[in-house]
Amino acid sequence: IEYRGYFVSGTVTAVTASMTLPAGLLTPTLPNQPWTAGPGWITA
């Protein structure tokens, strides 16, 4: 899945920062964890 977009953060909290994939989609079993989503990036 090619997943792209933009957002503006709200009031941040001290829990792991994350976002979900579209409903019903899961990553496969990965040989090494954690695995960097690539090619990919998040930038301010």
PDB file of all heavy atoms in Angstrom:
ATOM      1  N   ILE A   1       0.867  -1.159   0.000  1.00  0.00           N
ATOM      2  CA  ILE A   1       0.000   0.000   0.000  1.00  0.00           C
ATOM      3  C   ILE A   1       0.915   1.223   0.000  1.00  0.00           C
ATOM      4  O   ILE A   1       1.918   1.258   0.718  1.00  0.00           O
ATOM      5  CB  ILE A   1      -0.944   0.031   1.225  1.00  0.00           C
ATOM      6  CG1 ILE A   1      -1.907   1.224   1.130  1.00  0.00           C
ATOM      7  CG2 ILE A   1      -0.192   0.088   2.534  1.00  0.00           C
ATOM      8  CD1 ILE A   1      -2.998   1.216   2.188  1.00  0.00           C
ATOM      9  N   GLU A   2       0.609   2.159  -0.866  1.00  0.00           N
ATOM     10  CA  GLU A   2       1.315   3.433  -0.858  1.00  0.00           C
ATOM     11  C   GLU A   2       0.421   4.374  -0.052  1.00  0.00           C
ATOM     12  O   GLU A   2      -0.728   4.616  -0.417  1.00  0.00           O
ATOM     13  CB  GLU A   2       1.512   3.951  -2.269  1.00  0.00           C
ATOM     14  CG  GLU A   2       2.371   5.192  -2.325  1.00  0.00           C
ATOM     15  CD  GLU A   2       2.634   5.629  -3.752  1.00  0.00           C
ATOM     16  OE1 GLU A   2       3.398   4.947  -4.441  1.00  0.00           O
ATOM     17  OE2 GLU A   2       2.023   6.637  -4.156  1.00  0.00           O
ATOM     18  N   TYR A   3       0.941   4.867   1.042  1.00  0.00           N
ATOM     19  CA  TYR A   3       0.166   5.628   2.022  1.00  0.00           C
ATOM     20  C   TYR A   3       0.826   6.986   2.177  1.00  0.00           C
ATOM     21  O   TYR A   3       2.003   7.066   2.521  1.00  0.00           O
ATOM     22  CB  TYR A   3       0.206   4.845   3.334  1.00  0.00           C
ATOM     23  CG  TYR A   3      -0.911   5.061   4.298  1.00  0.00           C
ATOM     24  CD1 TYR A   3      -2.225   5.229   3.896  1.00  0.00           C
ATOM     25  CD2 TYR A   3      -0.657   5.049   5.662  1.00  0.00           C
ATOM     26  CE1 TYR A   3      -3.246   5.390   4.807  1.00  0.00           C
ATOM     27  CE2 TYR A   3      -1.671   5.214   6.583  1.00  0.00           C
ATOM     28  CZ  TYR A   3      -2.960   5.385   6.155  1.00  0.00           C
ATOM     29  OH  TYR A   3      -3.967   5.551   7.064  1.00  0.00           O
ATOM     30  N   ARG A   4       0.094   8.069   1.871  1.00  0.00           N
ATOM     31  CA  ARG A   4       0.693   9.392   1.940  1.00  0.00           C
ATOM     32  C   ARG A   4      -0.326  10.397   2.442  1.00  0.00           C
ATOM     33  O   ARG A   4      -1.530  10.155   2.405  1.00  0.00           O
ATOM     34  CB  ARG A   4       1.223   9.827   0.592  1.00  0.00           C
ATOM     35  CG  ARG A   4       0.162  10.011  -0.458  1.00  0.00           C
ATOM     36  CD  ARG A   4       0.755  10.387  -1.814  1.00  0.00           C
ATOM     37  NE  ARG A   4      -0.249  10.405  -2.843  1.00  0.00           N
ATOM     38  CZ  ARG A   4      -0.979  11.459  -3.178  1.00  0.00           C
ATOM     39  NH1 ARG A   4      -0.809  12.596  -2.553  1.00  0.00           N
ATOM     40  NH2 ARG A   4      -1.867  11.380  -4.130  1.00  0.00           N
ATOM     41  N   GLY A   5       0.181  11.537   2.920  1.00  0.00           N
ATOM     42  CA  GLY A   5      -0.740  12.564   3.373  1.00  0.00           C
ATOM     43  C   GLY A   5      -0.074  13.599   4.250  1.00  0.00           C
ATOM     44  O   GLY A   5       1.150  13.739   4.281  1.00  0.00           O
ATOM     45  N   TYR A   6      -0.927  14.304   4.973  1.00  0.00           N
ATOM     46  CA  TYR A   6      -0.465  15.353   5.871  1.00  0.00           C
ATOM     47  C   TYR A   6      -1.423  15.445   7.052  1.00  0.00           C
ATOM     48  O   TYR A   6      -2.569  14.992   6.990  1.00  0.00           O
ATOM     49  CB  TYR A   6      -0.394  16.696   5.139  1.00  0.00           C
ATOM     50  CG  TYR A   6      -1.714  17.141   4.555  1.00  0.00           C
ATOM     51  CD1 TYR A   6      -2.612  17.912   5.291  1.00  0.00           C
ATOM     52  CD2 TYR A   6      -2.073  16.765   3.263  1.00  0.00           C
ATOM     53  CE1 TYR A   6      -3.826  18.298   4.757  1.00  0.00           C
ATOM     54  CE2 TYR A   6      -3.288  17.149   2.720  1.00  0.00           C
ATOM     55  CZ  TYR A   6      -4.163  17.919   3.479  1.00  0.00           C
ATOM     56  OH  TYR A   6      -5.370  18.295   2.948  1.00  0.00           O
ATOM     57  N   PHE A   7      -0.938  16.011   8.150  1.00  0.00           N
ATOM     58  CA  PHE A   7      -1.759  16.229   9.331  1.00  0.00           C
ATOM     59  C   PHE A   7      -1.094  17.279  10.216  1.00  0.00           C
ATOM     60  O   PHE A   7       0.089  17.573  10.070  1.00  0.00           O
ATOM     61  CB  PHE A   7      -1.977  14.927  10.124  1.00  0.00           C
ATOM     62  CG  PHE A   7      -0.727  14.337  10.694  1.00  0.00           C
ATOM     63  CD1 PHE A   7      -0.273  14.691  11.964  1.00  0.00           C
ATOM     64  CD2 PHE A   7       0.012  13.415   9.979  1.00  0.00           C
ATOM     65  CE1 PHE A   7       0.887  14.142  12.491  1.00  0.00           C
ATOM     66  CE2 PHE A   7       1.169  12.853  10.496  1.00  0.00           C
ATOM     67  CZ  PHE A   7       1.611  13.222  11.760  1.00  0.00           C
ATOM     68  N   VAL A   8      -1.883  17.838  11.130  1.00  0.00           N
ATOM     69  CA  VAL A   8      -1.372  18.761  12.139  1.00  0.00           C
ATOM     70  C   VAL A   8      -1.655  18.133  13.497  1.00  0.00           C
ATOM     71  O   VAL A   8      -2.795  17.730  13.780  1.00  0.00           O
ATOM     72  CB  VAL A   8      -2.031  20.150  12.026  1.00  0.00           C
ATOM     73  CG1 VAL A   8      -1.576  21.059  13.162  1.00  0.00           C
ATOM     74  CG2 VAL A   8      -1.709  20.778  10.675  1.00  0.00           C
ATOM     75  N   SER A   9      -0.628  18.019  14.336  1.00  0.00           N
ATOM     76  CA  SER A   9      -0.771  17.386  15.649  1.00  0.00           C
ATOM     77  C   SER A   9      -1.654  18.214  16.566  1.00  0.00           C
ATOM     78  O   SER A   9      -1.707  19.444  16.472  1.00  0.00           O
ATOM     79  CB  SER A   9       0.600  17.172  16.291  1.00  0.00           C
ATOM     80  OG  SER A   9       1.239  18.419  16.500  1.00  0.00           O
ATOM     81  N   GLY A  10      -2.336  17.512  17.470  1.00  0.00           N
ATOM     82  CA  GLY A  10      -3.103  18.163  18.527  1.00  0.00           C
ATOM     83  C   GLY A  10      -2.228  18.274  19.768  1.00  0.00           C
ATOM     84  O   GLY A  10      -1.006  18.410  19.669  1.00  0.00           O
ATOM     85  N   THR A  11      -2.845  18.175  20.942  1.00  0.00           N
ATOM     86  CA  THR A  11      -2.098  18.216  22.198  1.00  0.00           C
ATOM     87  C   THR A  11      -1.451  16.854  22.407  1.00  0.00           C
ATOM     88  O   THR A  11      -2.146  15.857  22.648  1.00  0.00           O
ATOM     89  CB  THR A  11      -3.033  18.562  23.372  1.00  0.00           C
ATOM     90  OG1 THR A  11      -3.658  19.812  23.093  1.00  0.00           O
ATOM     91  CG2 THR A  11      -2.251  18.652  24.673  1.00  0.00           C
ATOM     92  N   VAL A  12      -0.128  16.796  22.304  1.00  0.00           N
ATOM     93  CA  VAL A  12       0.587  15.522  22.356  1.00  0.00           C
ATOM     94  C   VAL A  12       0.602  14.949  23.766  1.00  0.00           C
ATOM     95  O   VAL A  12       0.495  15.681  24.750  1.00  0.00           O
ATOM     96  CB  VAL A  12       2.022  15.667  21.800  1.00  0.00           C
ATOM     97  CG1 VAL A  12       1.987  16.021  20.335  1.00  0.00           C
ATOM     98  CG2 VAL A  12       2.816  16.680  22.583  1.00  0.00           C
ATOM     99  N   THR A  13       0.747  13.609  23.830  1.00  0.00           N
ATOM    100  CA  THR A  13       0.780  12.908  25.109  1.00  0.00           C
ATOM    101  C   THR A  13       1.989  11.975  25.159  1.00  0.00           C
ATOM    102  O   THR A  13       2.615  11.700  24.136  1.00  0.00           O
ATOM    103  CB  THR A  13      -0.507  12.093  25.328  1.00  0.00           C
ATOM    104  OG1 THR A  13      -0.639  11.139  24.259  1.00  0.00           O
ATOM    105  CG2 THR A  13      -1.732  12.998  25.365  1.00  0.00           C
ATOM    106  N   ALA A  14       2.267  11.450  26.336  1.00  0.00           N
ATOM    107  CA  ALA A  14       3.433  10.592  26.544  1.00  0.00           C
ATOM    108  C   ALA A  14       3.096   9.124  26.300  1.00  0.00           C
ATOM    109  O   ALA A  14       3.366   8.256  27.134  1.00  0.00           O
ATOM    110  CB  ALA A  14       3.989  10.801  27.943  1.00  0.00           C
ATOM    111  N   VAL A  15       2.478   8.824  25.155  1.00  0.00           N
ATOM    112  CA  VAL A  15       2.264   7.451  24.686  1.00  0.00           C
ATOM    113  C   VAL A  15       2.856   7.358  23.284  1.00  0.00           C
ATOM    114  O   VAL A  15       3.076   8.374  22.625  1.00  0.00           O
ATOM    115  CB  VAL A  15       0.775   7.039  24.694  1.00  0.00           C
ATOM    116  CG1 VAL A  15       0.211   7.067  26.108  1.00  0.00           C
ATOM    117  CG2 VAL A  15      -0.042   7.924  23.787  1.00  0.00           C
ATOM    118  N   THR A  16       3.111   6.154  22.813  1.00  0.00           N
ATOM    119  CA  THR A  16       3.756   5.953  21.518  1.00  0.00           C
ATOM    120  C   THR A  16       2.976   6.643  20.404  1.00  0.00           C
ATOM    121  O   THR A  16       1.776   6.456  20.269  1.00  0.00           O
ATOM    122  CB  THR A  16       3.891   4.451  21.215  1.00  0.00           C
ATOM    123  OG1 THR A  16       4.633   3.838  22.269  1.00  0.00           O
ATOM    124  CG2 THR A  16       4.597   4.220  19.903  1.00  0.00           C
ATOM    125  N   ALA A  17       3.681   7.441  19.610  1.00  0.00           N
ATOM    126  CA  ALA A  17       3.074   8.155  18.483  1.00  0.00           C
ATOM    127  C   ALA A  17       2.863   7.176  17.336  1.00  0.00           C
ATOM    128  O   ALA A  17       3.814   6.522  16.884  1.00  0.00           O
ATOM    129  CB  ALA A  17       3.963   9.310  18.044  1.00  0.00           C
ATOM    130  N   SER A  18       1.617   7.070  16.852  1.00  0.00           N
ATOM    131  CA  SER A  18       1.332   6.138  15.769  1.00  0.00           C
ATOM    132  C   SER A  18       0.060   6.538  15.040  1.00  0.00           C
ATOM    133  O   SER A  18      -0.701   7.382  15.508  1.00  0.00           O
ATOM    134  CB  SER A  18       1.181   4.712  16.308  1.00  0.00           C
ATOM    135  OG  SER A  18       0.038   4.616  17.135  1.00  0.00           O
ATOM    136  N   MET A  19      -0.143   5.889  13.885  1.00  0.00           N
ATOM    137  CA  MET A  19      -1.400   6.009  13.156  1.00  0.00           C
ATOM    138  C   MET A  19      -1.730   4.657  12.548  1.00  0.00           C
ATOM    139  O   MET A  19      -0.844   3.837  12.296  1.00  0.00           O
ATOM    140  CB  MET A  19      -1.332   7.086  12.088  1.00  0.00           C
ATOM    141  CG  MET A  19      -0.486   6.783  10.906  1.00  0.00           C
ATOM    142  SD  MET A  19      -0.574   8.160   9.736  1.00  0.00           S
ATOM    143  CE  MET A  19       0.644   7.597   8.567  1.00  0.00           C
ATOM    144  N   THR A  20      -3.013   4.429  12.314  1.00  0.00           N
ATOM    145  CA  THR A  20      -3.451   3.144  11.791  1.00  0.00           C
ATOM    146  C   THR A  20      -3.423   3.124  10.263  1.00  0.00           C
ATOM    147  O   THR A  20      -3.504   4.160   9.613  1.00  0.00           O
ATOM    148  CB  THR A  20      -4.889   2.828  12.251  1.00  0.00           C
ATOM    149  OG1 THR A  20      -5.758   3.870  11.816  1.00  0.00           O
ATOM    150  CG2 THR A  20      -4.966   2.667  13.762  1.00  0.00           C
ATOM    151  N   LEU A  21      -3.325   1.928   9.734  1.00  0.00           N
ATOM    152  CA  LEU A  21      -3.512   1.684   8.303  1.00  0.00           C
ATOM    153  C   LEU A  21      -5.010   1.661   8.022  1.00  0.00           C
ATOM    154  O   LEU A  21      -5.817   1.595   8.954  1.00  0.00           O
ATOM    155  CB  LEU A  21      -2.895   0.337   7.926  1.00  0.00           C
ATOM    156  CG  LEU A  21      -1.377   0.226   8.012  1.00  0.00           C
ATOM    157  CD1 LEU A  21      -0.941  -1.219   7.821  1.00  0.00           C
ATOM    158  CD2 LEU A  21      -0.728   1.125   6.990  1.00  0.00           C
ATOM    159  N   PRO A  22      -5.416   1.703   6.754  1.00  0.00           N
ATOM    160  CA  PRO A  22      -6.842   1.590   6.450  1.00  0.00           C
ATOM    161  C   PRO A  22      -7.444   0.316   7.046  1.00  0.00           C
ATOM    162  O   PRO A  22      -6.762  -0.704   7.209  1.00  0.00           O
ATOM    163  CB  PRO A  22      -6.861   1.547   4.920  1.00  0.00           C
ATOM    164  CG  PRO A  22      -5.651   2.326   4.520  1.00  0.00           C
ATOM    165  CD  PRO A  22      -4.617   1.957   5.551  1.00  0.00           C
ATOM    166  N   ALA A  23      -8.729   0.373   7.368  1.00  0.00           N
ATOM    167  CA  ALA A  23      -9.437  -0.723   8.034  1.00  0.00           C
ATOM    168  C   ALA A  23      -9.222  -2.053   7.312  1.00  0.00           C
ATOM    169  O   ALA A  23      -9.293  -2.122   6.087  1.00  0.00           O
ATOM    170  CB  ALA A  23     -10.921  -0.405   8.114  1.00  0.00           C
ATOM    171  N   GLY A  24      -8.949  -3.092   8.089  1.00  0.00           N
ATOM    172  CA  GLY A  24      -8.825  -4.444   7.562  1.00  0.00           C
ATOM    173  C   GLY A  24      -7.461  -4.809   7.028  1.00  0.00           C
ATOM    174  O   GLY A  24      -7.241  -5.948   6.636  1.00  0.00           O
ATOM    175  N   LEU A  25      -6.521  -3.872   6.986  1.00  0.00           N
ATOM    176  CA  LEU A  25      -5.183  -4.161   6.454  1.00  0.00           C
ATOM    177  C   LEU A  25      -4.195  -4.386   7.588  1.00  0.00           C
ATOM    178  O   LEU A  25      -4.195  -3.654   8.571  1.00  0.00           O
ATOM    179  CB  LEU A  25      -4.689  -3.013   5.575  1.00  0.00           C
ATOM    180  CG  LEU A  25      -5.552  -2.672   4.361  1.00  0.00           C
ATOM    181  CD1 LEU A  25      -4.903  -1.571   3.555  1.00  0.00           C
ATOM    182  CD2 LEU A  25      -5.804  -3.906   3.503  1.00  0.00           C
ATOM    183  N   LEU A  26      -3.366  -5.412   7.434  1.00  0.00           N
ATOM    184  CA  LEU A  26      -2.332  -5.741   8.417  1.00  0.00           C
ATOM    185  C   LEU A  26      -1.002  -5.916   7.706  1.00  0.00           C
ATOM    186  O   LEU A  26      -0.947  -6.345   6.556  1.00  0.00           O
ATOM    187  CB  LEU A  26      -2.657  -7.049   9.141  1.00  0.00           C
ATOM    188  CG  LEU A  26      -3.910  -7.088   9.991  1.00  0.00           C
ATOM    189  CD1 LEU A  26      -4.132  -8.507  10.517  1.00  0.00           C
ATOM    190  CD2 LEU A  26      -3.812  -6.112  11.143  1.00  0.00           C
ATOM    191  N   THR A  27       0.069  -5.618   8.425  1.00  0.00           N
ATOM    192  CA  THR A  27       1.402  -5.914   7.905  1.00  0.00           C
ATOM    193  C   THR A  27       1.612  -7.430   7.968  1.00  0.00           C
ATOM    194  O   THR A  27       0.996  -8.110   8.781  1.00  0.00           O
ATOM    195  CB  THR A  27       2.495  -5.207   8.728  1.00  0.00           C
ATOM    196  OG1 THR A  27       2.421  -5.656  10.082  1.00  0.00           O
ATOM    197  CG2 THR A  27       2.337  -3.700   8.665  1.00  0.00           C
ATOM    198  N   PRO A  28       2.470  -7.977   7.113  1.00  0.00           N
ATOM    199  CA  PRO A  28       2.733  -9.419   7.159  1.00  0.00           C
ATOM    200  C   PRO A  28       3.632  -9.770   8.337  1.00  0.00           C
ATOM    201  O   PRO A  28       4.099  -8.900   9.066  1.00  0.00           O
ATOM    202  CB  PRO A  28       3.450  -9.668   5.829  1.00  0.00           C
ATOM    203  CG  PRO A  28       4.121  -8.377   5.522  1.00  0.00           C
ATOM    204  CD  PRO A  28       3.209  -7.299   6.054  1.00  0.00           C
ATOM    205  N   THR A  29       3.871 -11.068   8.484  1.00  0.00           N
ATOM    206  CA  THR A  29       4.864 -11.498   9.461  1.00  0.00           C
ATOM    207  C   THR A  29       6.224 -11.062   8.942  1.00  0.00           C
ATOM    208  O   THR A  29       6.615 -11.419   7.823  1.00  0.00           O
ATOM    209  CB  THR A  29       4.829 -13.025   9.645  1.00  0.00           C
ATOM    210  OG1 THR A  29       3.516 -13.377  10.093  1.00  0.00           O
ATOM    211  CG2 THR A  29       5.874 -13.480  10.637  1.00  0.00           C
ATOM    212  N   LEU A  30       6.908 -10.273   9.707  1.00  0.00           N
ATOM    213  CA  LEU A  30       8.186  -9.699   9.279  1.00  0.00           C
ATOM    214  C   LEU A  30       9.335 -10.468   9.900  1.00  0.00           C
ATOM    215  O   LEU A  30       9.277 -10.842  11.067  1.00  0.00           O
ATOM    216  CB  LEU A  30       8.246  -8.219   9.688  1.00  0.00           C
ATOM    217  CG  LEU A  30       7.113  -7.362   9.112  1.00  0.00           C
ATOM    218  CD1 LEU A  30       7.067  -6.010   9.795  1.00  0.00           C
ATOM    219  CD2 LEU A  30       7.299  -7.193   7.615  1.00  0.00           C
ATOM    220  N   PRO A  31      10.405 -10.714   9.138  1.00  0.00           N
ATOM    221  CA  PRO A  31      11.510 -11.532   9.634  1.00  0.00           C
ATOM    222  C   PRO A  31      12.288 -10.872  10.764  1.00  0.00           C
ATOM    223  O   PRO A  31      12.771 -11.548  11.650  1.00  0.00           O
ATOM    224  CB  PRO A  31      12.404 -11.734   8.412  1.00  0.00           C
ATOM    225  CG  PRO A  31      12.058 -10.608   7.501  1.00  0.00           C
ATOM    226  CD  PRO A  31      10.625 -10.273   7.770  1.00  0.00           C
ATOM    227  N   ASN A  32      12.434  -9.580  10.721  1.00  0.00           N
ATOM    228  CA  ASN A  32      13.149  -8.853  11.764  1.00  0.00           C
ATOM    229  C   ASN A  32      12.280  -7.696  12.217  1.00  0.00           C
ATOM    230  O   ASN A  32      11.690  -7.010  11.403  1.00  0.00           O
ATOM    231  CB  ASN A  32      14.470  -8.296  11.226  1.00  0.00           C
ATOM    232  CG  ASN A  32      15.413  -9.394  10.799  1.00  0.00           C
ATOM    233  OD1 ASN A  32      15.719 -10.271  11.572  1.00  0.00           O
ATOM    234  ND2 ASN A  32      15.835  -9.355   9.549  1.00  0.00           N
ATOM    235  N   GLN A  33      12.203  -7.522  13.515  1.00  0.00           N
ATOM    236  CA  GLN A  33      11.395  -6.425  14.043  1.00  0.00           C
ATOM    237  C   GLN A  33      12.272  -5.522  14.882  1.00  0.00           C
ATOM    238  O   GLN A  33      13.174  -6.010  15.527  1.00  0.00           O
ATOM    239  CB  GLN A  33      10.268  -6.971  14.913  1.00  0.00           C
ATOM    240  CG  GLN A  33       9.264  -7.773  14.125  1.00  0.00           C
ATOM    241  CD  GLN A  33       8.058  -8.103  14.973  1.00  0.00           C
ATOM    242  OE1 GLN A  33       7.418  -7.226  15.513  1.00  0.00           O
ATOM    243  NE2 GLN A  33       7.769  -9.384  15.101  1.00  0.00           N
ATOM    244  N   PRO A  34      12.019  -4.240  14.954  1.00  0.00           N
ATOM    245  CA  PRO A  34      11.067  -3.525  14.115  1.00  0.00           C
ATOM    246  C   PRO A  34      11.601  -3.365  12.694  1.00  0.00           C
ATOM    247  O   PRO A  34      12.803  -3.478  12.476  1.00  0.00           O
ATOM    248  CB  PRO A  34      10.931  -2.175  14.805  1.00  0.00           C
ATOM    249  CG  PRO A  34      12.227  -1.986  15.501  1.00  0.00           C
ATOM    250  CD  PRO A  34      12.702  -3.356  15.896  1.00  0.00           C
ATOM    251  N   TRP A  35      10.721  -3.076  11.776  1.00  0.00           N
ATOM    252  CA  TRP A  35      11.064  -2.931  10.368  1.00  0.00           C
ATOM    253  C   TRP A  35      10.674  -1.541   9.926  1.00  0.00           C
ATOM    254  O   TRP A  35       9.549  -1.108  10.148  1.00  0.00           O
ATOM    255  CB  TRP A  35      10.302  -3.983   9.569  1.00  0.00           C
ATOM    256  CG  TRP A  35      10.620  -4.042   8.123  1.00  0.00           C
ATOM    257  CD1 TRP A  35      11.720  -4.626   7.551  1.00  0.00           C
ATOM    258  CD2 TRP A  35       9.839  -3.538   7.049  1.00  0.00           C
ATOM    259  NE1 TRP A  35      11.660  -4.505   6.187  1.00  0.00           N
ATOM    260  CE2 TRP A  35      10.522  -3.833   5.854  1.00  0.00           C
ATOM    261  CE3 TRP A  35       8.644  -2.858   6.977  1.00  0.00           C
ATOM    262  CZ2 TRP A  35      10.023  -3.478   4.607  1.00  0.00           C
ATOM    263  CZ3 TRP A  35       8.143  -2.492   5.744  1.00  0.00           C
ATOM    264  CH2 TRP A  35       8.843  -2.805   4.568  1.00  0.00           C
ATOM    265  N   THR A  36      11.587  -0.820   9.305  1.00  0.00           N
ATOM    266  CA  THR A  36      11.279   0.531   8.863  1.00  0.00           C
ATOM    267  C   THR A  36      10.460   0.478   7.586  1.00  0.00           C
ATOM    268  O   THR A  36      10.818  -0.223   6.645  1.00  0.00           O
ATOM    269  CB  THR A  36      12.569   1.338   8.630  1.00  0.00           C
ATOM    270  OG1 THR A  36      13.311   1.356   9.851  1.00  0.00           O
ATOM    271  CG2 THR A  36      12.272   2.759   8.205  1.00  0.00           C
ATOM    272  N   ALA A  37       9.342   1.182   7.585  1.00  0.00           N
ATOM    273  CA  ALA A  37       8.480   1.249   6.404  1.00  0.00           C
ATOM    274  C   ALA A  37       9.232   1.982   5.320  1.00  0.00           C
ATOM    275  O   ALA A  37       9.629   3.118   5.493  1.00  0.00           O
ATOM    276  CB  ALA A  37       7.188   1.984   6.742  1.00  0.00           C
ATOM    277  N   GLY A  38       9.479   1.314   4.209  1.00  0.00           N
ATOM    278  CA  GLY A  38      10.277   1.988   3.214  1.00  0.00           C
ATOM    279  C   GLY A  38       9.891   1.600   1.809  1.00  0.00           C
ATOM    280  O   GLY A  38       9.342   0.537   1.595  1.00  0.00           O
ATOM    281  N   PRO A  39      10.135   2.449   0.842  1.00  0.00           N
ATOM    282  CA  PRO A  39      10.680   3.769   1.113  1.00  0.00           C
ATOM    283  C   PRO A  39       9.648   4.610   1.857  1.00  0.00           C
ATOM    284  O   PRO A  39       8.458   4.490   1.594  1.00  0.00           O
ATOM    285  CB  PRO A  39      10.949   4.343  -0.272  1.00  0.00           C
ATOM    286  CG  PRO A  39      10.012   3.599  -1.173  1.00  0.00           C
ATOM    287  CD  PRO A  39       9.853   2.231  -0.572  1.00  0.00           C
ATOM    288  N   GLY A  40      10.092   5.397   2.798  1.00  0.00           N
ATOM    289  CA  GLY A  40       9.136   6.187   3.541  1.00  0.00           C
ATOM    290  C   GLY A  40       9.793   7.230   4.407  1.00  0.00           C
ATOM    291  O   GLY A  40      10.974   7.148   4.701  1.00  0.00           O
ATOM    292  N   TRP A  41       8.993   8.200   4.803  1.00  0.00           N
ATOM    293  CA  TRP A  41       9.485   9.265   5.657  1.00  0.00           C
ATOM    294  C   TRP A  41       8.320  10.036   6.256  1.00  0.00           C
ATOM    295  O   TRP A  41       7.202   9.986   5.763  1.00  0.00           O
ATOM    296  CB  TRP A  41      10.390  10.225   4.893  1.00  0.00           C
ATOM    297  CG  TRP A  41       9.848  10.640   3.552  1.00  0.00           C
ATOM    298  CD1 TRP A  41      10.196  10.091   2.342  1.00  0.00           C
ATOM    299  CD2 TRP A  41       8.857  11.615   3.262  1.00  0.00           C
ATOM    300  NE1 TRP A  41       9.480  10.685   1.332  1.00  0.00           N
ATOM    301  CE2 TRP A  41       8.648  11.630   1.860  1.00  0.00           C
ATOM    302  CE3 TRP A  41       8.116  12.493   4.039  1.00  0.00           C
ATOM    303  CZ2 TRP A  41       7.734  12.476   1.242  1.00  0.00           C
ATOM    304  CZ3 TRP A  41       7.202  13.335   3.416  1.00  0.00           C
ATOM    305  CH2 TRP A  41       7.025  13.333   2.033  1.00  0.00           C
ATOM    306  N   ILE A  42       8.599  10.697   7.348  1.00  0.00           N
ATOM    307  CA  ILE A  42       7.677  11.634   7.976  1.00  0.00           C
ATOM    308  C   ILE A  42       8.503  12.882   8.212  1.00  0.00           C
ATOM    309  O   ILE A  42       9.598  12.807   8.768  1.00  0.00           O
ATOM    310  CB  ILE A  42       7.173  11.127   9.342  1.00  0.00           C
ATOM    311  CG1 ILE A  42       6.619   9.719   9.235  1.00  0.00           C
ATOM    312  CG2 ILE A  42       6.157  12.092   9.938  1.00  0.00           C
ATOM    313  CD1 ILE A  42       6.449   9.037  10.572  1.00  0.00           C
ATOM    314  N   THR A  43       8.017  14.029   7.812  1.00  0.00           N
ATOM    315  CA  THR A  43       8.786  15.250   8.024  1.00  0.00           C
ATOM    316  C   THR A  43       7.871  16.395   8.411  1.00  0.00           C
ATOM    317  O   THR A  43       6.717  16.446   7.987  1.00  0.00           O
ATOM    318  CB  THR A  43       9.619  15.616   6.771  1.00  0.00           C
ATOM    319  OG1 THR A  43      10.460  16.702   7.073  1.00  0.00           O
ATOM    320  CG2 THR A  43       8.740  15.974   5.600  1.00  0.00           C
ATOM    321  N   ALA A  44       8.386  17.294   9.242  1.00  0.00           N
ATOM    322  CA  ALA A  44       7.625  18.475   9.624  1.00  0.00           C
ATOM    323  C   ALA A  44       7.500  19.384   8.417  1.00  0.00           C
ATOM    324  O   ALA A  44       8.369  19.407   7.549  1.00  0.00           O
ATOM    325  CB  ALA A  44       8.324  19.205  10.770  1.00  0.00           C
TER     326      ALA A  44
END
